[in-house]
Amino acid sequence: MNLRAMRRDRAARTGPELFLYERAFEDCLDRLAMVQRSFERALILGCPDPSWPEQLRQSIGQVDVADPGALFAQASGGNQLVEDRWSSPADEYDMCIAVGTLDTVNQLPHALLALRHTLKRDGLLIGAMAGGETLPRLRAAMRAADEVTGQASAHVHPRIEPAALAGLLSAAGFAMPVVDVDRASVSYSSLARLVRDLRAMGVTNVLTQRSRRPLSKMAYAAASKAFCPYEGQRTVETFEILHFAAWTPPQPEQG
């Protein structure tokens, strides 16, 4: 099974941490409310909360669900899929809302092309993904651990910058791409508490080049100290959420 799917399934079994997902989804709903048109059939891509389809059905009659994790998909009555390996049906939806999965897909350009293919003309892709300077304190903590081990290792999935995401949307054939940044600041008492949240979000390390060895006690102590340098004080970690929207080109006017 794909490691990314396993991470999401573990979060589904233990109970997902939803505060960032809910923040992103609610923002998408607010943005949709400002769109001056109606949609007939929508796809939710990434659905850790089974209440999301019903919320979207308040304004859109038919809503399908897909998720990289089998358990999240099942809980919402949807299907499991891997976005960059998806043989997407053509012209199936006039709107897709994608939350919290595209940032860890192997081939984001391929995933965007699949979404472009499944959207009808003048269809809307809207969503949110982690990007930019997400988790700077965790990255610094992992560098401190690497200094102890004397060997650098990939700990955190690379993050795309807003301008690069807009460019990829255009390259996939979308028009009028817009990317905004929402910075969420979260206070943590320890590195372990942050890692628990990330595990409950299903977003811990899924890189194929990650180290298979757990951190030694000395390396973990160095990482914990770098993350919370002062005993009794909390550390503020930052999550940068990239909100994006883009349209498929409209039907050409007949001459």
C-alpha atoms as a PDB file:
ATOM      1  CA  MET A   1       0.000   0.000   0.000  1.00  0.00           C
ATOM      2  CA  ASN A   2       1.156   3.534  -0.727  1.00  0.00           C
ATOM      3  CA  LEU A   3       2.806   5.011   2.378  1.00  0.00           C
ATOM      4  CA  ARG A   4       0.846   8.228   1.969  1.00  0.00           C
ATOM      5  CA  ALA A   5      -2.402   6.265   2.062  1.00  0.00           C
ATOM      6  CA  MET A   6      -1.186   4.365   5.127  1.00  0.00           C
ATOM      7  CA  ARG A   7      -0.507   7.631   6.951  1.00  0.00           C
ATOM      8  CA  ARG A   8      -4.045   8.854   6.221  1.00  0.00           C
ATOM      9  CA  ASP A   9      -5.552   5.502   7.202  1.00  0.00           C
ATOM     10  CA  ARG A  10      -3.707   5.609  10.537  1.00  0.00           C
ATOM     11  CA  ALA A  11      -5.095   9.097  11.175  1.00  0.00           C
ATOM     12  CA  ALA A  12      -8.594   7.864  10.311  1.00  0.00           C
ATOM     13  CA  ARG A  13      -8.322   4.927  12.734  1.00  0.00           C
ATOM     14  CA  THR A  14      -6.955   6.924  15.672  1.00  0.00           C
ATOM     15  CA  GLY A  15      -9.107  10.011  15.081  1.00  0.00           C
ATOM     16  CA  PRO A  16      -7.904  12.788  12.775  1.00  0.00           C
ATOM     17  CA  GLU A  17      -6.763  16.217  13.927  1.00  0.00           C
ATOM     18  CA  LEU A  18      -8.945  18.494  11.828  1.00  0.00           C
ATOM     19  CA  PHE A  19      -8.313  22.081  12.899  1.00  0.00           C
ATOM     20  CA  LEU A  20      -6.204  23.012   9.856  1.00  0.00           C
ATOM     21  CA  TYR A  21      -8.330  20.986   7.451  1.00  0.00           C
ATOM     22  CA  GLU A  22     -11.500  22.636   8.754  1.00  0.00           C
ATOM     23  CA  ARG A  23      -9.918  26.071   8.514  1.00  0.00           C
ATOM     24  CA  ALA A  24      -9.011  25.438   4.886  1.00  0.00           C
ATOM     25  CA  PHE A  25     -12.363  23.912   3.939  1.00  0.00           C
ATOM     26  CA  GLU A  26     -14.383  26.713   5.528  1.00  0.00           C
ATOM     27  CA  ASP A  27     -12.297  29.272   3.677  1.00  0.00           C
ATOM     28  CA  CYS A  28     -13.008  27.455   0.412  1.00  0.00           C
ATOM     29  CA  LEU A  29     -16.742  27.519   1.161  1.00  0.00           C
ATOM     30  CA  ASP A  30     -16.553  31.264   1.832  1.00  0.00           C
ATOM     31  CA  ARG A  31     -14.810  31.805  -1.497  1.00  0.00           C
ATOM     32  CA  LEU A  32     -17.348  29.648  -3.309  1.00  0.00           C
ATOM     33  CA  ALA A  33     -20.174  31.730  -1.856  1.00  0.00           C
ATOM     34  CA  MET A  34     -18.734  34.745  -3.677  1.00  0.00           C
ATOM     35  CA  VAL A  35     -18.737  33.019  -7.081  1.00  0.00           C
ATOM     36  CA  GLN A  36     -21.622  34.338  -9.152  1.00  0.00           C
ATOM     37  CA  ARG A  37     -22.677  31.076 -10.769  1.00  0.00           C
ATOM     38  CA  SER A  38     -24.157  27.720  -9.861  1.00  0.00           C
ATOM     39  CA  PHE A  39     -22.598  24.269 -10.116  1.00  0.00           C
ATOM     40  CA  GLU A  40     -24.349  20.991 -10.843  1.00  0.00           C
ATOM     41  CA  ARG A  41     -21.802  18.319  -9.932  1.00  0.00           C
ATOM     42  CA  ALA A  42     -18.746  18.658  -7.711  1.00  0.00           C
ATOM     43  CA  LEU A  43     -15.828  16.516  -6.576  1.00  0.00           C
ATOM     44  CA  ILE A  44     -14.291  16.778  -3.122  1.00  0.00           C
ATOM     45  CA  LEU A  45     -10.683  15.607  -3.367  1.00  0.00           C
ATOM     46  CA  GLY A  46      -9.350  14.897   0.123  1.00  0.00           C
ATOM     47  CA  CYS A  47     -12.045  14.419   2.747  1.00  0.00           C
ATOM     48  CA  PRO A  48     -10.926  13.747   6.343  1.00  0.00           C
ATOM     49  CA  ASP A  49     -14.289  14.958   7.685  1.00  0.00           C
ATOM     50  CA  PRO A  50     -17.347  12.975   6.492  1.00  0.00           C
ATOM     51  CA  SER A  51     -19.576  16.010   7.094  1.00  0.00           C
ATOM     52  CA  TRP A  52     -17.978  17.943   4.215  1.00  0.00           C
ATOM     53  CA  PRO A  53     -20.064  16.426   1.382  1.00  0.00           C
ATOM     54  CA  GLU A  54     -23.307  17.316   3.118  1.00  0.00           C
ATOM     55  CA  GLN A  55     -22.111  20.870   3.712  1.00  0.00           C
ATOM     56  CA  LEU A  56     -21.335  21.218   0.022  1.00  0.00           C
ATOM     57  CA  ARG A  57     -24.674  19.659  -0.988  1.00  0.00           C
ATOM     58  CA  GLN A  58     -26.438  22.656   0.548  1.00  0.00           C
ATOM     59  CA  SER A  59     -25.483  24.574  -2.590  1.00  0.00           C
ATOM     60  CA  ILE A  60     -24.590  21.790  -5.070  1.00  0.00           C
ATOM     61  CA  GLY A  61     -26.910  18.892  -5.769  1.00  0.00           C
ATOM     62  CA  GLN A  62     -24.475  16.099  -6.612  1.00  0.00           C
ATOM     63  CA  VAL A  63     -21.185  15.734  -4.735  1.00  0.00           C
ATOM     64  CA  ASP A  64     -18.692  12.910  -5.206  1.00  0.00           C
ATOM     65  CA  VAL A  65     -15.792  12.217  -2.860  1.00  0.00           C
ATOM     66  CA  ALA A  66     -12.279  10.859  -3.401  1.00  0.00           C
ATOM     67  CA  ASP A  67      -9.342  10.551  -1.036  1.00  0.00           C
ATOM     68  CA  PRO A  68      -5.835   9.037  -1.192  1.00  0.00           C
ATOM     69  CA  GLY A  69      -6.678   7.152   2.017  1.00  0.00           C
ATOM     70  CA  ALA A  70      -9.122   4.250   1.771  1.00  0.00           C
ATOM     71  CA  LEU A  71     -10.648   4.826   5.230  1.00  0.00           C
ATOM     72  CA  PHE A  72     -11.318   8.534   4.725  1.00  0.00           C
ATOM     73  CA  ALA A  73     -12.868   7.702   1.343  1.00  0.00           C
ATOM     74  CA  GLN A  74     -15.074   4.971   2.816  1.00  0.00           C
ATOM     75  CA  ALA A  75     -16.257   7.158   5.698  1.00  0.00           C
ATOM     76  CA  SER A  76     -17.570   9.692   3.180  1.00  0.00           C
ATOM     77  CA  GLY A  77     -19.011   7.164   0.747  1.00  0.00           C
ATOM     78  CA  GLY A  78     -16.304   7.934  -1.797  1.00  0.00           C
ATOM     79  CA  ASN A  79     -13.489   6.258  -3.691  1.00  0.00           C
ATOM     80  CA  GLN A  80      -9.776   5.956  -3.080  1.00  0.00           C
ATOM     81  CA  LEU A  81      -7.495   7.430  -5.725  1.00  0.00           C
ATOM     82  CA  VAL A  82      -3.936   8.637  -6.182  1.00  0.00           C
ATOM     83  CA  GLU A  83      -4.156  12.019  -7.864  1.00  0.00           C
ATOM     84  CA  ASP A  84      -1.163  11.727 -10.196  1.00  0.00           C
ATOM     85  CA  ARG A  85      -2.029   8.133 -11.204  1.00  0.00           C
ATOM     86  CA  TRP A  86      -5.706   8.813 -11.787  1.00  0.00           C
ATOM     87  CA  SER A  87      -7.239   8.013 -15.163  1.00  0.00           C
ATOM     88  CA  SER A  88      -9.708  10.838 -14.722  1.00  0.00           C
ATOM     89  CA  PRO A  89     -12.988  10.740 -16.671  1.00  0.00           C
ATOM     90  CA  ALA A  90     -13.327  13.595 -19.149  1.00  0.00           C
ATOM     91  CA  ASP A  91     -15.734  16.474 -18.547  1.00  0.00           C
ATOM     92  CA  GLU A  92     -17.248  14.864 -15.454  1.00  0.00           C
ATOM     93  CA  TYR A  93     -17.490  17.796 -13.044  1.00  0.00           C
ATOM     94  CA  ASP A  94     -18.036  21.517 -13.221  1.00  0.00           C
ATOM     95  CA  MET A  95     -16.329  22.122  -9.869  1.00  0.00           C
ATOM     96  CA  CYS A  96     -13.642  20.439  -7.771  1.00  0.00           C
ATOM     97  CA  ILE A  97     -12.601  21.379  -4.251  1.00  0.00           C
ATOM     98  CA  ALA A  98      -9.214  19.904  -3.285  1.00  0.00           C
ATOM     99  CA  VAL A  99      -8.073  20.248   0.323  1.00  0.00           C
ATOM    100  CA  GLY A 100      -4.913  19.018   1.971  1.00  0.00           C
ATOM    101  CA  THR A 101      -3.574  16.321  -0.374  1.00  0.00           C
ATOM    102  CA  LEU A 102      -1.924  17.917  -3.403  1.00  0.00           C
ATOM    103  CA  ASP A 103       1.063  19.109  -1.343  1.00  0.00           C
ATOM    104  CA  THR A 104       2.298  15.526  -0.865  1.00  0.00           C
ATOM    105  CA  VAL A 105       1.517  14.039  -4.268  1.00  0.00           C
ATOM    106  CA  ASN A 106       4.564  12.714  -6.149  1.00  0.00           C
ATOM    107  CA  GLN A 107       3.890  14.493  -9.441  1.00  0.00           C
ATOM    108  CA  LEU A 108       1.831  17.633  -8.888  1.00  0.00           C
ATOM    109  CA  PRO A 109       1.841  18.602 -12.608  1.00  0.00           C
ATOM    110  CA  HIS A 110       0.314  15.210 -13.472  1.00  0.00           C
ATOM    111  CA  ALA A 111      -2.324  15.586 -10.754  1.00  0.00           C
ATOM    112  CA  LEU A 112      -3.304  19.039 -12.045  1.00  0.00           C
ATOM    113  CA  LEU A 113      -3.556  17.707 -15.597  1.00  0.00           C
ATOM    114  CA  ALA A 114      -5.885  14.941 -14.372  1.00  0.00           C
ATOM    115  CA  LEU A 115      -8.067  17.524 -12.620  1.00  0.00           C
ATOM    116  CA  ARG A 116      -8.072  19.698 -15.725  1.00  0.00           C
ATOM    117  CA  HIS A 117      -9.205  16.684 -17.759  1.00  0.00           C
ATOM    118  CA  THR A 118     -12.105  15.797 -15.472  1.00  0.00           C
ATOM    119  CA  LEU A 119     -13.489  19.347 -15.302  1.00  0.00           C
ATOM    120  CA  LYS A 120     -15.946  20.594 -17.892  1.00  0.00           C
ATOM    121  CA  ARG A 121     -15.304  23.788 -19.800  1.00  0.00           C
ATOM    122  CA  ASP A 122     -15.625  26.849 -17.587  1.00  0.00           C
ATOM    123  CA  GLY A 123     -15.211  24.577 -14.558  1.00  0.00           C
ATOM    124  CA  LEU A 124     -13.711  25.705 -11.260  1.00  0.00           C
ATOM    125  CA  LEU A 125     -10.840  24.167  -9.334  1.00  0.00           C
ATOM    126  CA  ILE A 126     -10.566  25.560  -5.826  1.00  0.00           C
ATOM    127  CA  GLY A 127      -8.645  24.296  -2.856  1.00  0.00           C
ATOM    128  CA  ALA A 128      -5.878  24.543  -0.303  1.00  0.00           C
ATOM    129  CA  MET A 129      -2.533  22.889   0.324  1.00  0.00           C
ATOM    130  CA  ALA A 130       0.466  23.393   2.575  1.00  0.00           C
ATOM    131  CA  GLY A 131       3.295  25.320   0.979  1.00  0.00           C
ATOM    132  CA  GLY A 132       5.791  28.144   1.311  1.00  0.00           C
ATOM    133  CA  GLU A 133       7.459  28.377   4.712  1.00  0.00           C
ATOM    134  CA  THR A 134       5.375  25.740   6.451  1.00  0.00           C
ATOM    135  CA  LEU A 135       6.895  24.269   9.654  1.00  0.00           C
ATOM    136  CA  PRO A 136      10.053  26.406   9.924  1.00  0.00           C
ATOM    137  CA  ARG A 137      10.642  25.467  13.577  1.00  0.00           C
ATOM    138  CA  LEU A 138      10.337  21.762  12.823  1.00  0.00           C
ATOM    139  CA  ARG A 139      12.787  22.090   9.945  1.00  0.00           C
ATOM    140  CA  ALA A 140      15.271  23.833  12.231  1.00  0.00           C
ATOM    141  CA  ALA A 141      14.804  21.103  14.845  1.00  0.00           C
ATOM    142  CA  MET A 142      15.523  18.397  12.273  1.00  0.00           C
ATOM    143  CA  ARG A 143      18.686  20.202  11.173  1.00  0.00           C
ATOM    144  CA  ALA A 144      19.831  20.158  14.807  1.00  0.00           C
ATOM    145  CA  ALA A 145      19.220  16.405  14.910  1.00  0.00           C
ATOM    146  CA  ASP A 146      21.199  15.946  11.688  1.00  0.00           C
ATOM    147  CA  GLU A 147      24.148  17.831  13.206  1.00  0.00           C
ATOM    148  CA  VAL A 148      24.253  15.285  16.021  1.00  0.00           C
ATOM    149  CA  THR A 149      24.110  12.287  13.691  1.00  0.00           C
ATOM    150  CA  GLY A 150      26.517  13.862  11.219  1.00  0.00           C
ATOM    151  CA  GLN A 151      24.278  12.864   8.335  1.00  0.00           C
ATOM    152  CA  ALA A 152      21.602  14.927   6.602  1.00  0.00           C
ATOM    153  CA  SER A 153      18.309  13.184   5.940  1.00  0.00           C
ATOM    154  CA  ALA A 154      15.029  14.197   4.306  1.00  0.00           C
ATOM    155  CA  HIS A 155      12.502  14.777   7.077  1.00  0.00           C
ATOM    156  CA  VAL A 156       9.871  17.109   5.604  1.00  0.00           C
ATOM    157  CA  HIS A 157       8.204  17.015   2.203  1.00  0.00           C
ATOM    158  CA  PRO A 158       9.350  19.888  -0.076  1.00  0.00           C
ATOM    159  CA  ARG A 159       6.886  22.773  -0.173  1.00  0.00           C
ATOM    160  CA  ILE A 160       5.837  24.645  -3.272  1.00  0.00           C
ATOM    161  CA  GLU A 161       5.934  28.453  -3.393  1.00  0.00           C
ATOM    162  CA  PRO A 162       2.792  30.439  -4.310  1.00  0.00           C
ATOM    163  CA  ALA A 163       4.220  31.755  -7.602  1.00  0.00           C
ATOM    164  CA  ALA A 164       5.297  28.264  -8.634  1.00  0.00           C
ATOM    165  CA  LEU A 165       1.815  26.871  -7.923  1.00  0.00           C
ATOM    166  CA  ALA A 166       0.211  29.555 -10.091  1.00  0.00           C
ATOM    167  CA  GLY A 167       2.633  28.639 -12.866  1.00  0.00           C
ATOM    168  CA  LEU A 168       1.806  24.940 -12.614  1.00  0.00           C
ATOM    169  CA  LEU A 169      -1.920  25.690 -12.803  1.00  0.00           C
ATOM    170  CA  SER A 170      -1.350  27.686 -15.979  1.00  0.00           C
ATOM    171  CA  ALA A 171       0.866  24.973 -17.454  1.00  0.00           C
ATOM    172  CA  ALA A 172      -1.888  22.405 -16.816  1.00  0.00           C
ATOM    173  CA  GLY A 173      -4.286  24.449 -18.940  1.00  0.00           C
ATOM    174  CA  PHE A 174      -6.134  26.388 -16.246  1.00  0.00           C
ATOM    175  CA  ALA A 175      -6.985  30.047 -16.737  1.00  0.00           C
ATOM    176  CA  MET A 176      -6.957  32.950 -14.283  1.00  0.00           C
ATOM    177  CA  PRO A 177      -5.047  31.166 -11.499  1.00  0.00           C
ATOM    178  CA  VAL A 178      -5.077  32.912  -8.141  1.00  0.00           C
ATOM    179  CA  VAL A 179      -2.988  31.827  -5.138  1.00  0.00           C
ATOM    180  CA  ASP A 180      -3.281  33.410  -1.680  1.00  0.00           C
ATOM    181  CA  VAL A 181      -1.399  32.587   1.519  1.00  0.00           C
ATOM    182  CA  ASP A 182      -3.045  31.991   4.892  1.00  0.00           C
ATOM    183  CA  ARG A 183      -0.543  31.767   7.756  1.00  0.00           C
ATOM    184  CA  ALA A 184      -1.778  29.810  10.732  1.00  0.00           C
ATOM    185  CA  SER A 185       0.251  30.162  13.940  1.00  0.00           C
ATOM    186  CA  VAL A 186      -0.064  27.327  16.452  1.00  0.00           C
ATOM    187  CA  SER A 187       1.512  27.232  19.919  1.00  0.00           C
ATOM    188  CA  TYR A 188       3.153  24.004  21.081  1.00  0.00           C
ATOM    189  CA  SER A 189       4.593  22.947  24.419  1.00  0.00           C
ATOM    190  CA  SER A 190       6.990  20.439  22.882  1.00  0.00           C
ATOM    191  CA  LEU A 191       8.233  18.857  19.679  1.00  0.00           C
ATOM    192  CA  ALA A 192       6.427  15.665  20.643  1.00  0.00           C
ATOM    193  CA  ARG A 193       3.099  17.510  20.729  1.00  0.00           C
ATOM    194  CA  LEU A 194       3.649  18.879  17.224  1.00  0.00           C
ATOM    195  CA  VAL A 195       4.563  15.429  15.928  1.00  0.00           C
ATOM    196  CA  ARG A 196       1.382  13.992  17.464  1.00  0.00           C
ATOM    197  CA  ASP A 197      -0.683  16.585  15.597  1.00  0.00           C
ATOM    198  CA  LEU A 198       1.107  15.892  12.318  1.00  0.00           C
ATOM    199  CA  ARG A 199       0.554  12.158  12.770  1.00  0.00           C
ATOM    200  CA  ALA A 200      -3.142  12.764  13.459  1.00  0.00           C
ATOM    201  CA  MET A 201      -3.323  14.845  10.271  1.00  0.00           C
ATOM    202  CA  GLY A 202      -1.748  12.002   8.306  1.00  0.00           C
ATOM    203  CA  VAL A 203       1.130  14.200   7.133  1.00  0.00           C
ATOM    204  CA  THR A 204       4.250  12.755   8.713  1.00  0.00           C
ATOM    205  CA  ASN A 205       7.205  11.831   6.518  1.00  0.00           C
ATOM    206  CA  VAL A 206       6.223   9.950   3.336  1.00  0.00           C
ATOM    207  CA  LEU A 207       9.438  10.556   1.385  1.00  0.00           C
ATOM    208  CA  THR A 208      10.990   7.482  -0.222  1.00  0.00           C
ATOM    209  CA  GLN A 209      14.464   8.798   0.657  1.00  0.00           C
ATOM    210  CA  ARG A 210      13.652   9.244   4.339  1.00  0.00           C
ATOM    211  CA  SER A 211      15.828   7.526   6.926  1.00  0.00           C
ATOM    212  CA  ARG A 212      14.377   4.218   8.153  1.00  0.00           C
ATOM    213  CA  ARG A 213      16.187   4.545  11.480  1.00  0.00           C
ATOM    214  CA  PRO A 214      14.512   6.290  14.408  1.00  0.00           C
ATOM    215  CA  LEU A 215      16.350   9.265  15.875  1.00  0.00           C
ATOM    216  CA  SER A 216      18.836   8.402  18.572  1.00  0.00           C
ATOM    217  CA  LYS A 217      18.207   9.744  22.064  1.00  0.00           C
ATOM    218  CA  MET A 218      20.896  12.376  21.578  1.00  0.00           C
ATOM    219  CA  ALA A 219      19.535  13.472  18.199  1.00  0.00           C
ATOM    220  CA  TYR A 220      15.982  13.654  19.495  1.00  0.00           C
ATOM    221  CA  ALA A 221      17.133  15.643  22.539  1.00  0.00           C
ATOM    222  CA  ALA A 222      18.901  18.108  20.233  1.00  0.00           C
ATOM    223  CA  ALA A 223      15.791  18.449  18.063  1.00  0.00           C
ATOM    224  CA  SER A 224      13.560  18.972  21.095  1.00  0.00           C
ATOM    225  CA  LYS A 225      15.919  21.592  22.498  1.00  0.00           C
ATOM    226  CA  ALA A 226      16.041  23.434  19.165  1.00  0.00           C
ATOM    227  CA  PHE A 227      12.262  23.379  18.917  1.00  0.00           C
ATOM    228  CA  CYS A 228      11.628  24.548  22.506  1.00  0.00           C
ATOM    229  CA  PRO A 229      14.879  26.201  23.638  1.00  0.00           C
ATOM    230  CA  TYR A 230      13.489  27.607  26.897  1.00  0.00           C
ATOM    231  CA  GLU A 231      11.949  25.313  29.479  1.00  0.00           C
ATOM    232  CA  GLY A 232       8.377  26.205  30.356  1.00  0.00           C
ATOM    233  CA  GLN A 233       7.879  28.390  27.276  1.00  0.00           C
ATOM    234  CA  ARG A 234       5.809  27.419  24.282  1.00  0.00           C
ATOM    235  CA  THR A 235       6.966  27.571  20.678  1.00  0.00           C
ATOM    236  CA  VAL A 236       4.857  29.068  17.901  1.00  0.00           C
ATOM    237  CA  GLU A 237       4.947  26.980  14.730  1.00  0.00           C
ATOM    238  CA  THR A 238       3.707  28.311  11.397  1.00  0.00           C
ATOM    239  CA  PHE A 239       1.619  26.546   8.781  1.00  0.00           C
ATOM    240  CA  GLU A 240       1.376  28.342   5.438  1.00  0.00           C
ATOM    241  CA  ILE A 241      -1.779  27.306   3.618  1.00  0.00           C
ATOM    242  CA  LEU A 242      -1.875  28.120  -0.085  1.00  0.00           C
ATOM    243  CA  HIS A 243      -5.430  28.808  -1.228  1.00  0.00           C
ATOM    244  CA  PHE A 244      -5.799  28.501  -4.961  1.00  0.00           C
ATOM    245  CA  ALA A 245      -8.496  28.895  -7.578  1.00  0.00           C
ATOM    246  CA  ALA A 246      -8.447  28.546 -11.343  1.00  0.00           C
ATOM    247  CA  TRP A 247     -10.883  27.969 -14.189  1.00  0.00           C
ATOM    248  CA  THR A 248     -10.902  25.730 -17.211  1.00  0.00           C
ATOM    249  CA  PRO A 249     -11.238  27.747 -20.439  1.00  0.00           C
ATOM    250  CA  PRO A 250     -14.837  28.428 -21.516  1.00  0.00           C
ATOM    251  CA  GLN A 251     -16.455  26.974 -24.604  1.00  0.00           C
ATOM    252  CA  PRO A 252     -15.302  28.970 -27.656  1.00  0.00           C
ATOM    253  CA  GLU A 253     -17.987  31.148 -29.158  1.00  0.00           C
ATOM    254  CA  GLN A 254     -19.296  29.911 -32.481  1.00  0.00           C
ATOM    255  CA  GLY A 255     -18.657  32.275 -35.353  1.00  0.00           C
END
